[in-house]
Amino acid sequence: MISRSVRFSLFLALAAGASLGLAVQCSSPDGPSESASRASVADAETVRAWDTIYGVLQHPRCLNCHPVDDVPFQGDHKVKHAQNVHGGPDGKGLFAMQCATCHGTENRPGPFMPPGAPNWHLPKRDMPLVFEGMSRDELCRQMRDPAQNGGKTPEQLFEHMAHDPLVLWGWAPGDGRKPVSTPHAELVAAVRTWVDSGCDCPE
């Protein structure tokens, strides 16, 4: 016959084993390996999102107005703007060569006629927001920095990319110009993912 002390010891051993099993069962879904796996998936999604954004920003419809100087490009092959156009201090042109002189609020009909959208302009001279020649990482860090991106918060960046008529023009640039090849909805989804991730940049 098993003594009372032996029975009590067996009870404690069984209880401990049951508790250990329960602990293992509850902790396994959130264990280190699965947490790391989820983080890896999130990082990969963020990288893919930024790659989509970067590809759009390097398209001529975006790149042409974000050069290394204040002389915009024309067309699809980085040809400097004719008529010696400069953005000037406010990005809207110099003297009689204001952007709005030729670029109205909508495209003019006909091949290669001046395109147009509301508030047509280049970045201001004191915050040039250069896209030309920037690596993926360099442009990412510039875009997320309010001191370099026009003072925009991440949410303001999202709103700008999603709704600004001047940005939207890139998908309806008028006769003789190629629209941005990435669908706008795909860009918006990518910016949302990038912003929600904390605007992480590729290493």
C-alpha atoms as a PDB file:
ATOM      1  CA  MET A   1       0.000   0.000   0.000  1.00  0.00           C
ATOM      2  CA  ILE A   2       1.303   3.459  -0.984  1.00  0.00           C
ATOM      3  CA  SER A   3       1.806   5.727   1.989  1.00  0.00           C
ATOM      4  CA  ARG A   4       0.178   9.128   2.236  1.00  0.00           C
ATOM      5  CA  SER A   5       3.541  10.892   1.794  1.00  0.00           C
ATOM      6  CA  VAL A   6       4.313   8.943  -1.390  1.00  0.00           C
ATOM      7  CA  ARG A   7       0.856   9.692  -2.802  1.00  0.00           C
ATOM      8  CA  PHE A   8       1.350  13.385  -2.054  1.00  0.00           C
ATOM      9  CA  SER A   9       4.747  13.353  -3.809  1.00  0.00           C
ATOM     10  CA  LEU A  10       3.215  11.702  -6.884  1.00  0.00           C
ATOM     11  CA  PHE A  11       0.447  14.320  -6.905  1.00  0.00           C
ATOM     12  CA  LEU A  12       2.996  17.128  -6.849  1.00  0.00           C
ATOM     13  CA  ALA A  13       4.987  15.552  -9.684  1.00  0.00           C
ATOM     14  CA  LEU A  14       1.900  15.126 -11.861  1.00  0.00           C
ATOM     15  CA  ALA A  15       0.753  18.666 -11.134  1.00  0.00           C
ATOM     16  CA  ALA A  16       4.159  20.056 -12.047  1.00  0.00           C
ATOM     17  CA  GLY A  17       4.183  18.087 -15.275  1.00  0.00           C
ATOM     18  CA  ALA A  18       0.733  19.339 -16.211  1.00  0.00           C
ATOM     19  CA  SER A  19       1.731  22.929 -15.492  1.00  0.00           C
ATOM     20  CA  LEU A  20       4.871  22.569 -17.579  1.00  0.00           C
ATOM     21  CA  GLY A  21       2.880  21.171 -20.484  1.00  0.00           C
ATOM     22  CA  LEU A  22       0.394  24.023 -20.231  1.00  0.00           C
ATOM     23  CA  ALA A  23       3.197  26.568 -20.162  1.00  0.00           C
ATOM     24  CA  VAL A  24       4.803  25.071 -23.246  1.00  0.00           C
ATOM     25  CA  GLN A  25       1.480  24.956 -25.060  1.00  0.00           C
ATOM     26  CA  CYS A  26       0.673  28.627 -24.317  1.00  0.00           C
ATOM     27  CA  SER A  27       4.118  29.973 -25.048  1.00  0.00           C
ATOM     28  CA  SER A  28       4.872  28.136 -28.285  1.00  0.00           C
ATOM     29  CA  PRO A  29       2.763  30.347 -30.638  1.00  0.00           C
ATOM     30  CA  ASP A  30       4.693  33.391 -29.439  1.00  0.00           C
ATOM     31  CA  GLY A  31       8.074  31.748 -29.092  1.00  0.00           C
ATOM     32  CA  PRO A  32      11.262  33.452 -30.264  1.00  0.00           C
ATOM     33  CA  SER A  33      11.440  31.597 -33.572  1.00  0.00           C
ATOM     34  CA  GLU A  34       7.890  32.510 -34.592  1.00  0.00           C
ATOM     35  CA  SER A  35       8.302  36.121 -33.451  1.00  0.00           C
ATOM     36  CA  ALA A  36      11.486  36.362 -35.499  1.00  0.00           C
ATOM     37  CA  SER A  37       9.688  34.821 -38.457  1.00  0.00           C
ATOM     38  CA  ARG A  38       6.878  37.371 -38.250  1.00  0.00           C
ATOM     39  CA  ALA A  39       9.414  40.207 -37.962  1.00  0.00           C
ATOM     40  CA  SER A  40      11.227  38.872 -41.017  1.00  0.00           C
ATOM     41  CA  VAL A  41       7.991  38.807 -43.029  1.00  0.00           C
ATOM     42  CA  ALA A  42       7.172  42.370 -41.906  1.00  0.00           C
ATOM     43  CA  ASP A  43      10.664  43.559 -42.886  1.00  0.00           C
ATOM     44  CA  ALA A  44      10.336  41.930 -46.303  1.00  0.00           C
ATOM     45  CA  GLU A  45       6.958  43.609 -46.850  1.00  0.00           C
ATOM     46  CA  THR A  46       8.442  46.984 -45.916  1.00  0.00           C
ATOM     47  CA  VAL A  47      11.361  46.508 -48.320  1.00  0.00           C
ATOM     48  CA  ARG A  48       8.968  45.532 -51.131  1.00  0.00           C
ATOM     49  CA  ALA A  49       6.806  48.568 -50.339  1.00  0.00           C
ATOM     50  CA  TRP A  50       9.776  50.940 -50.472  1.00  0.00           C
ATOM     51  CA  ASP A  51      11.005  49.362 -53.709  1.00  0.00           C
ATOM     52  CA  THR A  52       7.602  50.151 -55.253  1.00  0.00           C
ATOM     53  CA  ILE A  53       7.749  53.753 -54.010  1.00  0.00           C
ATOM     54  CA  TYR A  54      11.340  54.188 -55.185  1.00  0.00           C
ATOM     55  CA  GLY A  55      10.479  52.884 -58.652  1.00  0.00           C
ATOM     56  CA  VAL A  56       7.685  55.448 -58.968  1.00  0.00           C
ATOM     57  CA  LEU A  57       9.873  58.324 -57.755  1.00  0.00           C
ATOM     58  CA  GLN A  58      12.503  57.398 -60.351  1.00  0.00           C
ATOM     59  CA  HIS A  59       9.962  57.475 -63.202  1.00  0.00           C
ATOM     60  CA  PRO A  60      10.361  60.516 -65.519  1.00  0.00           C
ATOM     61  CA  ARG A  61       6.932  61.879 -64.519  1.00  0.00           C
ATOM     62  CA  CYS A  62       8.271  62.318 -60.976  1.00  0.00           C
ATOM     63  CA  LEU A  63      12.006  62.606 -61.531  1.00  0.00           C
ATOM     64  CA  ASN A  64      11.722  65.447 -64.069  1.00  0.00           C
ATOM     65  CA  CYS A  65      10.724  67.956 -61.400  1.00  0.00           C
ATOM     66  CA  HIS A  66      13.196  66.713 -58.761  1.00  0.00           C
ATOM     67  CA  PRO A  67      16.630  67.251 -60.378  1.00  0.00           C
ATOM     68  CA  VAL A  68      19.937  67.928 -58.640  1.00  0.00           C
ATOM     69  CA  ASP A  69      19.615  71.604 -59.568  1.00  0.00           C
ATOM     70  CA  ASP A  70      16.597  73.817 -60.199  1.00  0.00           C
ATOM     71  CA  VAL A  71      16.450  73.100 -63.952  1.00  0.00           C
ATOM     72  CA  PRO A  72      13.696  70.541 -64.639  1.00  0.00           C
ATOM     73  CA  PHE A  73      13.823  67.828 -67.269  1.00  0.00           C
ATOM     74  CA  GLN A  74      11.410  67.271 -70.153  1.00  0.00           C
ATOM     75  CA  GLY A  75      10.222  64.060 -71.793  1.00  0.00           C
ATOM     76  CA  ASP A  76      11.360  60.547 -70.924  1.00  0.00           C
ATOM     77  CA  HIS A  77      15.121  60.827 -71.401  1.00  0.00           C
ATOM     78  CA  LYS A  78      16.308  63.492 -68.921  1.00  0.00           C
ATOM     79  CA  VAL A  79      16.487  66.311 -71.455  1.00  0.00           C
ATOM     80  CA  LYS A  80      16.892  69.666 -69.730  1.00  0.00           C
ATOM     81  CA  HIS A  81      13.887  71.970 -70.055  1.00  0.00           C
ATOM     82  CA  ALA A  82      13.990  74.273 -73.069  1.00  0.00           C
ATOM     83  CA  GLN A  83      13.876  78.082 -72.762  1.00  0.00           C
ATOM     84  CA  ASN A  84      16.479  77.984 -69.953  1.00  0.00           C
ATOM     85  CA  VAL A  85      13.770  77.432 -67.337  1.00  0.00           C
ATOM     86  CA  HIS A  86      14.774  77.571 -63.661  1.00  0.00           C
ATOM     87  CA  GLY A  87      12.672  76.871 -60.613  1.00  0.00           C
ATOM     88  CA  GLY A  88      13.959  79.841 -58.650  1.00  0.00           C
ATOM     89  CA  PRO A  89      13.760  80.341 -54.877  1.00  0.00           C
ATOM     90  CA  ASP A  90      10.099  79.325 -54.578  1.00  0.00           C
ATOM     91  CA  GLY A  91      10.184  76.605 -57.251  1.00  0.00           C
ATOM     92  CA  LYS A  92       7.656  78.435 -59.423  1.00  0.00           C
ATOM     93  CA  GLY A  93      10.023  79.966 -61.964  1.00  0.00           C
ATOM     94  CA  LEU A  94      12.063  83.129 -62.480  1.00  0.00           C
ATOM     95  CA  PHE A  95      10.792  86.538 -63.611  1.00  0.00           C
ATOM     96  CA  ALA A  96       8.617  86.225 -66.723  1.00  0.00           C
ATOM     97  CA  MET A  97       9.423  82.508 -66.987  1.00  0.00           C
ATOM     98  CA  GLN A  98       6.983  81.461 -64.288  1.00  0.00           C
ATOM     99  CA  CYS A  99       5.842  77.825 -64.472  1.00  0.00           C
ATOM    100  CA  ALA A 100       2.216  78.958 -64.629  1.00  0.00           C
ATOM    101  CA  THR A 101       2.945  80.965 -67.794  1.00  0.00           C
ATOM    102  CA  CYS A 102       2.858  77.723 -69.801  1.00  0.00           C
ATOM    103  CA  HIS A 103       1.635  75.111 -67.341  1.00  0.00           C
ATOM    104  CA  GLY A 104      -2.009  75.624 -66.487  1.00  0.00           C
ATOM    105  CA  THR A 105      -4.243  73.593 -64.224  1.00  0.00           C
ATOM    106  CA  GLU A 106      -4.780  70.888 -66.880  1.00  0.00           C
ATOM    107  CA  ASN A 107      -3.041  69.418 -69.914  1.00  0.00           C
ATOM    108  CA  ARG A 108      -3.260  71.311 -73.173  1.00  0.00           C
ATOM    109  CA  PRO A 109      -4.591  69.081 -75.976  1.00  0.00           C
ATOM    110  CA  GLY A 110      -2.262  67.825 -78.664  1.00  0.00           C
ATOM    111  CA  PRO A 111       1.029  65.916 -78.732  1.00  0.00           C
ATOM    112  CA  PHE A 112       3.823  67.488 -76.691  1.00  0.00           C
ATOM    113  CA  MET A 113       1.814  70.548 -75.717  1.00  0.00           C
ATOM    114  CA  PRO A 114       2.591  71.893 -72.218  1.00  0.00           C
ATOM    115  CA  PRO A 115       1.185  69.630 -69.535  1.00  0.00           C
ATOM    116  CA  GLY A 116      -0.699  71.043 -66.612  1.00  0.00           C
ATOM    117  CA  ALA A 117      -2.026  70.366 -63.120  1.00  0.00           C
ATOM    118  CA  PRO A 118      -2.969  72.569 -60.162  1.00  0.00           C
ATOM    119  CA  ASN A 119      -0.004  74.243 -58.450  1.00  0.00           C
ATOM    120  CA  TRP A 120       2.600  73.238 -61.042  1.00  0.00           C
ATOM    121  CA  HIS A 121       6.034  73.842 -59.497  1.00  0.00           C
ATOM    122  CA  LEU A 122       9.423  72.453 -58.518  1.00  0.00           C
ATOM    123  CA  PRO A 123      10.590  72.076 -54.903  1.00  0.00           C
ATOM    124  CA  LYS A 124      11.824  75.251 -53.250  1.00  0.00           C
ATOM    125  CA  ARG A 125      15.515  76.001 -53.612  1.00  0.00           C
ATOM    126  CA  ASP A 126      16.192  75.752 -49.848  1.00  0.00           C
ATOM    127  CA  MET A 127      14.587  72.278 -49.731  1.00  0.00           C
ATOM    128  CA  PRO A 128      15.242  70.739 -53.151  1.00  0.00           C
ATOM    129  CA  LEU A 129      14.021  67.179 -52.405  1.00  0.00           C
ATOM    130  CA  VAL A 130      16.269  65.667 -55.063  1.00  0.00           C
ATOM    131  CA  PHE A 131      15.278  62.339 -56.667  1.00  0.00           C
ATOM    132  CA  GLU A 132      17.894  62.352 -59.425  1.00  0.00           C
ATOM    133  CA  GLY A 133      20.880  60.092 -58.718  1.00  0.00           C
ATOM    134  CA  MET A 134      19.672  59.056 -55.254  1.00  0.00           C
ATOM    135  CA  SER A 135      20.096  55.460 -54.099  1.00  0.00           C
ATOM    136  CA  ARG A 136      17.213  53.534 -52.563  1.00  0.00           C
ATOM    137  CA  ASP A 137      18.515  54.161 -49.050  1.00  0.00           C
ATOM    138  CA  GLU A 138      19.428  57.819 -49.615  1.00  0.00           C
ATOM    139  CA  LEU A 139      16.035  58.705 -51.035  1.00  0.00           C
ATOM    140  CA  CYS A 140      14.233  56.754 -48.309  1.00  0.00           C
ATOM    141  CA  ARG A 141      16.044  58.646 -45.559  1.00  0.00           C
ATOM    142  CA  GLN A 142      15.379  61.953 -47.299  1.00  0.00           C
ATOM    143  CA  MET A 143      11.682  61.225 -47.764  1.00  0.00           C
ATOM    144  CA  ARG A 144      11.089  60.382 -44.107  1.00  0.00           C
ATOM    145  CA  ASP A 145      12.976  63.420 -42.749  1.00  0.00           C
ATOM    146  CA  PRO A 146      10.717  66.503 -42.319  1.00  0.00           C
ATOM    147  CA  ALA A 147      13.810  68.708 -42.516  1.00  0.00           C
ATOM    148  CA  GLN A 148      14.305  67.496 -46.108  1.00  0.00           C
ATOM    149  CA  ASN A 149      10.843  66.486 -47.365  1.00  0.00           C
ATOM    150  CA  GLY A 150       8.998  69.806 -47.182  1.00  0.00           C
ATOM    151  CA  GLY A 151       8.142  69.543 -43.495  1.00  0.00           C
ATOM    152  CA  LYS A 152       5.745  66.618 -43.963  1.00  0.00           C
ATOM    153  CA  THR A 153       4.841  64.058 -41.326  1.00  0.00           C
ATOM    154  CA  PRO A 154       4.476  60.420 -42.461  1.00  0.00           C
ATOM    155  CA  GLU A 155       0.693  60.822 -42.702  1.00  0.00           C
ATOM    156  CA  GLN A 156       1.080  64.018 -44.719  1.00  0.00           C
ATOM    157  CA  LEU A 157       3.419  62.144 -47.064  1.00  0.00           C
ATOM    158  CA  PHE A 158       0.725  59.501 -47.490  1.00  0.00           C
ATOM    159  CA  GLU A 159      -1.941  62.119 -48.212  1.00  0.00           C
ATOM    160  CA  HIS A 160       0.365  63.863 -50.681  1.00  0.00           C
ATOM    161  CA  MET A 161       1.093  60.666 -52.601  1.00  0.00           C
ATOM    162  CA  ALA A 162      -2.509  59.490 -52.479  1.00  0.00           C
ATOM    163  CA  HIS A 163      -4.453  62.662 -53.271  1.00  0.00           C
ATOM    164  CA  ASP A 164      -2.344  65.627 -54.445  1.00  0.00           C
ATOM    165  CA  PRO A 165      -3.494  66.556 -57.996  1.00  0.00           C
ATOM    166  CA  LEU A 166       0.090  67.282 -59.044  1.00  0.00           C
ATOM    167  CA  VAL A 167       1.098  63.748 -58.035  1.00  0.00           C
ATOM    168  CA  LEU A 168      -1.980  62.246 -59.692  1.00  0.00           C
ATOM    169  CA  TRP A 169      -1.035  64.013 -62.938  1.00  0.00           C
ATOM    170  CA  GLY A 170       1.763  61.440 -63.328  1.00  0.00           C
ATOM    171  CA  TRP A 171      -0.873  58.857 -64.270  1.00  0.00           C
ATOM    172  CA  ALA A 172      -2.634  61.177 -66.748  1.00  0.00           C
ATOM    173  CA  PRO A 173       0.197  63.258 -68.266  1.00  0.00           C
ATOM    174  CA  GLY A 174      -1.425  64.069 -71.586  1.00  0.00           C
ATOM    175  CA  ASP A 175      -0.586  63.361 -75.212  1.00  0.00           C
ATOM    176  CA  GLY A 176       2.969  62.320 -76.033  1.00  0.00           C
ATOM    177  CA  ARG A 177       4.015  61.437 -72.477  1.00  0.00           C
ATOM    178  CA  LYS A 178       4.182  58.028 -70.803  1.00  0.00           C
ATOM    179  CA  PRO A 179       2.251  57.735 -67.541  1.00  0.00           C
ATOM    180  CA  VAL A 180       3.823  56.207 -64.448  1.00  0.00           C
ATOM    181  CA  SER A 181       3.922  52.474 -65.131  1.00  0.00           C
ATOM    182  CA  THR A 182       3.070  51.351 -61.574  1.00  0.00           C
ATOM    183  CA  PRO A 183      -0.698  51.608 -60.937  1.00  0.00           C
ATOM    184  CA  HIS A 184      -1.520  54.440 -58.554  1.00  0.00           C
ATOM    185  CA  ALA A 185      -3.491  52.115 -56.256  1.00  0.00           C
ATOM    186  CA  GLU A 186      -0.374  49.958 -55.912  1.00  0.00           C
ATOM    187  CA  LEU A 187       1.683  53.006 -54.945  1.00  0.00           C
ATOM    188  CA  VAL A 188      -0.891  54.063 -52.351  1.00  0.00           C
ATOM    189  CA  ALA A 189      -0.877  50.594 -50.801  1.00  0.00           C
ATOM    190  CA  ALA A 190       2.928  50.610 -50.723  1.00  0.00           C
ATOM    191  CA  VAL A 191       3.082  54.030 -49.045  1.00  0.00           C
ATOM    192  CA  ARG A 192       0.524  52.868 -46.468  1.00  0.00           C
ATOM    193  CA  THR A 193       2.646  49.802 -45.668  1.00  0.00           C
ATOM    194  CA  TRP A 194       5.842  51.859 -45.501  1.00  0.00           C
ATOM    195  CA  VAL A 195       4.327  54.523 -43.232  1.00  0.00           C
ATOM    196  CA  ASP A 196       2.704  51.956 -40.951  1.00  0.00           C
ATOM    197  CA  SER A 197       6.064  50.175 -40.592  1.00  0.00           C
ATOM    198  CA  GLY A 198       7.623  53.371 -39.213  1.00  0.00           C
ATOM    199  CA  CYS A 199       9.135  54.488 -42.550  1.00  0.00           C
ATOM    200  CA  ASP A 200      11.908  51.934 -42.238  1.00  0.00           C
ATOM    201  CA  CYS A 201      14.653  52.147 -44.858  1.00  0.00           C
ATOM    202  CA  PRO A 202      16.522  49.254 -46.513  1.00  0.00           C
ATOM    203  CA  GLU A 203      19.849  48.400 -44.938  1.00  0.00           C
END
